[in-house]
């Protein structure tokens, strides 16, 4: 979550487009700030901007060149190890990306850090940070380490910016939010999560549905 001061010419759609890569996620900001009319924001107004993993609309045909170009454009490097990070996150490392698909692009700059303690593994950290231990390769590659070898105690790791996710199993959106955030202002949290996941019917979750939680 960060603070943002509305500047001349700003709209919620434009802020969401810049922060999230998807202007359609403007309801996330509106719900977090209890804005009854998203079209009415004032210069100098302070807004809370939840962190939502950046989204990219894949508008080209898939291929080696297209993937390399996306990696270089977003991360400033054609490094295949960095490319593998977003491929794993999106499940497209060995699968075609269809034109028009939305891709999640983890943040690798200006992120938090973690000092490894005894007994920690990449899989355990991925499970704790992202809700999926299979994303261990994301942490290892972001730190240019071998994912097959657990990090050493005392080692400082970059924490790639990526929202936690859960597979729904008999839960409600409200109960999931209580688990993730605690029981403070559950209604706002649930509304923000619904907006971030484009849930038109937040009270109708289904088993094994994946829900991402803004931070």
Protein backbone atom coordinates (compact mmCIF):
# COMPACT_ATOMS: atom_id res chain seq x y z
CA UNK A 1 0.00 0.00 0.00
CA UNK A 2 1.32 3.43 -0.87
CA UNK A 3 0.09 7.00 -0.60
CA UNK A 4 -0.56 9.00 -3.75
CA UNK A 5 -1.44 12.69 -4.13
CA UNK A 6 -3.81 13.37 -7.02
CA UNK A 7 -2.16 15.57 -9.67
CA UNK A 8 -3.81 17.74 -12.34
CA UNK A 9 -5.27 15.60 -15.12
CA UNK A 10 -5.39 12.43 -13.01
CA UNK A 11 -8.27 9.98 -13.25
CA UNK A 12 -8.69 6.73 -11.36
CA UNK A 13 -8.55 4.87 -14.67
CA UNK A 14 -5.26 6.55 -15.54
CA UNK A 15 -3.76 5.89 -12.11
CA UNK A 16 -4.77 2.21 -12.33
CA UNK A 17 -3.35 1.99 -15.85
CA UNK A 18 -0.01 3.37 -14.64
CA UNK A 19 0.15 1.38 -11.40
CA UNK A 20 -1.38 -1.91 -12.53
CA UNK A 21 -1.08 -1.96 -16.32
CA UNK A 22 -4.88 -2.27 -16.49
CA UNK A 23 -7.07 0.81 -16.17
CA UNK A 24 -10.04 -1.48 -15.65
CA UNK A 25 -8.73 -2.14 -12.14
CA UNK A 26 -9.66 1.39 -11.02
CA UNK A 27 -12.38 -0.02 -8.70
CA UNK A 28 -9.54 -1.39 -6.51
CA UNK A 29 -8.54 2.18 -5.70
CA UNK A 30 -12.14 3.37 -5.45
CA UNK A 31 -13.10 0.64 -2.97
CA UNK A 32 -9.96 1.11 -0.85
CA UNK A 33 -10.68 4.83 -0.54
CA UNK A 34 -14.48 4.52 -0.19
CA UNK A 35 -15.11 6.70 -3.23
CA UNK A 36 -18.82 6.66 -3.98
CA UNK A 37 -18.17 8.31 -7.36
CA UNK A 38 -14.90 7.16 -8.98
CA UNK A 39 -15.16 10.01 -11.50
CA UNK A 40 -14.85 12.64 -8.76
CA UNK A 41 -11.31 13.03 -7.43
CA UNK A 42 -9.65 16.35 -6.60
CA UNK A 43 -6.15 17.70 -7.16
CA UNK A 44 -4.27 17.35 -3.88
CA UNK A 45 -6.49 14.53 -2.62
CA UNK A 46 -4.55 11.74 -0.93
CA UNK A 47 -5.33 8.20 -2.05
CA UNK A 48 -4.23 4.82 -0.75
CA UNK A 49 -3.04 2.62 -3.63
CA UNK A 50 -3.03 -1.13 -2.81
CA UNK A 51 -0.31 -3.17 -4.45
CA UNK A 52 -1.69 -5.32 -7.26
CA UNK A 53 0.73 -7.32 -9.41
CA UNK A 54 1.28 -5.51 -12.72
CA UNK A 55 -0.74 -6.91 -15.63
CA UNK A 56 0.30 -6.88 -19.28
CA UNK A 57 -2.04 -7.49 -22.21
CA UNK A 58 -0.20 -9.81 -24.61
CA UNK A 59 -1.17 -8.35 -27.97
CA UNK A 60 1.28 -10.09 -30.32
CA UNK A 61 1.72 -13.62 -31.62
CA UNK A 62 3.69 -15.86 -29.28
CA UNK A 63 7.29 -16.70 -30.06
CA UNK A 64 10.86 -16.48 -28.80
CA UNK A 65 11.30 -12.92 -30.05
CA UNK A 66 8.02 -11.71 -28.52
CA UNK A 67 8.88 -13.16 -25.11
CA UNK A 68 12.39 -11.72 -25.19
CA UNK A 69 11.03 -8.31 -26.18
CA UNK A 70 8.52 -8.33 -23.31
CA UNK A 71 11.25 -9.29 -20.83
CA UNK A 72 13.58 -6.55 -22.05
CA UNK A 73 10.81 -3.95 -22.19
CA UNK A 74 9.58 -4.55 -18.64
CA UNK A 75 12.77 -5.62 -16.85
CA UNK A 76 15.45 -3.91 -18.95
CA UNK A 77 17.25 -7.16 -19.73
CA UNK A 78 16.84 -10.09 -22.14
CA UNK A 79 18.10 -12.46 -19.40
CA UNK A 80 16.36 -15.84 -19.93
CA UNK A 81 16.40 -16.43 -16.15
CA UNK A 82 14.29 -13.30 -15.64
CA UNK A 83 12.03 -14.30 -18.51
CA UNK A 84 11.51 -17.68 -16.84
CA UNK A 85 10.18 -15.92 -13.74
CA UNK A 86 7.14 -14.42 -15.42
CA UNK A 87 6.65 -17.54 -17.54
CA UNK A 88 6.42 -19.70 -14.39
CA UNK A 89 4.08 -17.24 -12.65
CA UNK A 90 1.73 -17.39 -15.62
CA UNK A 91 2.10 -21.10 -16.30
CA UNK A 92 3.40 -20.49 -19.83
CA UNK A 93 6.96 -21.80 -19.55
CA UNK A 94 5.96 -24.75 -21.72
CA UNK A 95 2.63 -23.51 -23.01
CA UNK A 96 1.59 -21.13 -25.77
CA UNK A 97 0.53 -17.61 -24.87
CA UNK A 98 -2.60 -16.67 -26.78
CA UNK A 99 -3.02 -13.19 -28.21
CA UNK A 100 -5.18 -11.15 -25.82
CA UNK A 101 -4.09 -13.02 -22.67
CA UNK A 102 -3.36 -11.02 -19.51
CA UNK A 103 0.04 -11.79 -17.98
CA UNK A 104 1.16 -11.06 -14.41
CA UNK A 105 4.61 -9.45 -14.27
CA UNK A 106 6.23 -9.67 -10.81
CA UNK A 107 8.10 -6.65 -9.49
CA UNK A 108 11.84 -7.24 -9.12
CA UNK A 109 13.06 -3.72 -8.34
CA UNK A 110 12.58 -1.63 -5.18
CA UNK A 111 11.10 -4.63 -3.38
CA UNK A 112 11.53 -5.98 0.13
CA UNK A 113 14.32 -8.19 1.39
CA UNK A 114 14.44 -11.21 3.69
CA UNK A 115 17.31 -12.63 5.73
CA UNK A 116 17.26 -16.42 5.61
CA UNK A 117 17.13 -18.30 8.92
CA UNK A 118 18.06 -21.93 9.54
CA UNK A 119 15.59 -24.43 8.11
CA UNK A 120 14.10 -22.14 5.46
CA UNK A 121 13.82 -23.30 1.86
CA UNK A 122 12.80 -21.65 -1.39
CA UNK A 123 9.65 -23.78 -1.46
CA UNK A 124 8.70 -22.83 2.09
CA UNK A 125 9.27 -19.15 1.43
CA UNK A 126 7.22 -19.29 -1.77
CA UNK A 127 4.38 -20.96 0.11
CA UNK A 128 4.47 -18.30 2.81
CA UNK A 129 4.85 -15.31 0.51
CA UNK A 130 2.72 -16.34 -2.46
CA UNK A 131 0.56 -19.24 -1.28
CA UNK A 132 2.21 -21.63 -3.75
CA UNK A 133 5.46 -23.49 -3.05
CA UNK A 134 5.83 -24.23 -6.78
CA UNK A 135 6.83 -20.58 -7.20
CA UNK A 136 10.12 -21.31 -5.45
CA UNK A 137 11.88 -20.91 -8.81
CA UNK A 138 10.64 -17.30 -8.90
CA UNK A 139 12.56 -16.45 -5.72
CA UNK A 140 15.66 -18.39 -6.76
CA UNK A 141 15.84 -16.89 -10.24
CA UNK A 142 15.21 -13.36 -8.99
CA UNK A 143 18.23 -13.81 -6.73
CA UNK A 144 20.26 -15.63 -9.43
CA UNK A 145 20.54 -18.74 -7.26
CA UNK A 146 20.12 -22.45 -7.98
CA UNK A 147 16.48 -23.38 -7.14
CA UNK A 148 17.62 -26.95 -6.38
CA UNK A 149 19.79 -25.76 -3.47
CA UNK A 150 18.22 -24.16 -0.40
CA UNK A 151 19.52 -20.70 0.54
CA UNK A 152 22.07 -20.48 3.36
CA UNK A 153 21.17 -18.98 6.76
CA UNK A 154 22.07 -15.31 6.87
CA UNK A 155 21.70 -14.89 3.12
CA UNK A 156 19.68 -11.80 2.14
CA UNK A 157 17.08 -12.46 -0.54
CA UNK A 158 15.09 -10.15 -2.77
CA UNK A 159 11.36 -10.74 -2.27
CA UNK A 160 9.80 -10.50 -5.76
CA UNK A 161 6.63 -8.45 -5.75
CA UNK A 162 3.76 -10.82 -6.42
CA UNK A 163 0.39 -10.99 -4.71
CA UNK A 164 -0.49 -14.02 -2.58
CA UNK A 165 -3.00 -16.39 -4.07
CA UNK A 166 -5.36 -19.00 -2.70
CA UNK A 167 -7.37 -21.80 -4.24
CA UNK A 168 -10.93 -21.59 -3.00
CA UNK A 169 -12.13 -24.67 -1.12
CA UNK A 170 -15.39 -24.11 0.71
CA UNK A 171 -14.46 -20.55 1.64
CA UNK A 172 -16.23 -17.25 1.21
CA UNK A 173 -14.46 -14.11 0.06
CA UNK A 174 -14.96 -12.65 3.54
CA UNK A 175 -13.46 -15.68 5.32
CA UNK A 176 -10.48 -15.65 2.95
CA UNK A 177 -9.93 -11.96 3.68
CA UNK A 178 -10.05 -12.57 7.43
CA UNK A 179 -7.38 -15.27 7.01
CA UNK A 180 -5.19 -12.96 4.92
CA UNK A 181 -5.68 -9.60 6.61
CA UNK A 182 -7.33 -10.17 9.99
CA UNK A 183 -10.80 -9.09 11.02
CA UNK A 184 -10.38 -5.31 10.66
CA UNK A 185 -12.64 -3.64 8.07
CA UNK A 186 -13.46 -6.90 6.32
CA UNK A 187 -16.05 -5.28 4.06
CA UNK A 188 -13.48 -2.94 2.49
CA UNK A 189 -10.89 -5.70 2.14
CA UNK A 190 -13.40 -8.00 0.46
CA UNK A 191 -14.49 -5.23 -1.94
CA UNK A 192 -10.85 -4.50 -2.88
CA UNK A 193 -10.09 -8.20 -3.45
CA UNK A 194 -13.24 -8.60 -5.55
CA UNK A 195 -12.23 -5.61 -7.69
CA UNK A 196 -8.63 -6.83 -8.09
CA UNK A 197 -9.87 -10.21 -9.33
CA UNK A 198 -12.65 -8.81 -11.53
CA UNK A 199 -15.20 -10.77 -9.49
CA UNK A 200 -18.60 -9.64 -10.69
CA UNK A 201 -20.27 -12.03 -8.24
CA UNK A 202 -17.99 -12.10 -5.17
CA UNK A 203 -20.48 -14.20 -3.18
CA UNK A 204 -20.41 -16.99 -5.77
CA UNK A 205 -16.91 -18.42 -5.55
CA UNK A 206 -16.32 -21.95 -6.82
CA UNK A 207 -14.01 -24.74 -5.72
CA UNK A 208 -10.40 -24.43 -6.98
CA UNK A 209 -10.97 -20.86 -8.14
CA UNK A 210 -7.74 -18.85 -7.74
CA UNK A 211 -8.05 -15.56 -5.85
CA UNK A 212 -5.20 -13.02 -5.66
CA UNK A 213 -4.89 -10.78 -2.60
CA UNK A 214 -3.62 -7.18 -3.01
CA UNK A 215 -1.17 -6.01 -0.40
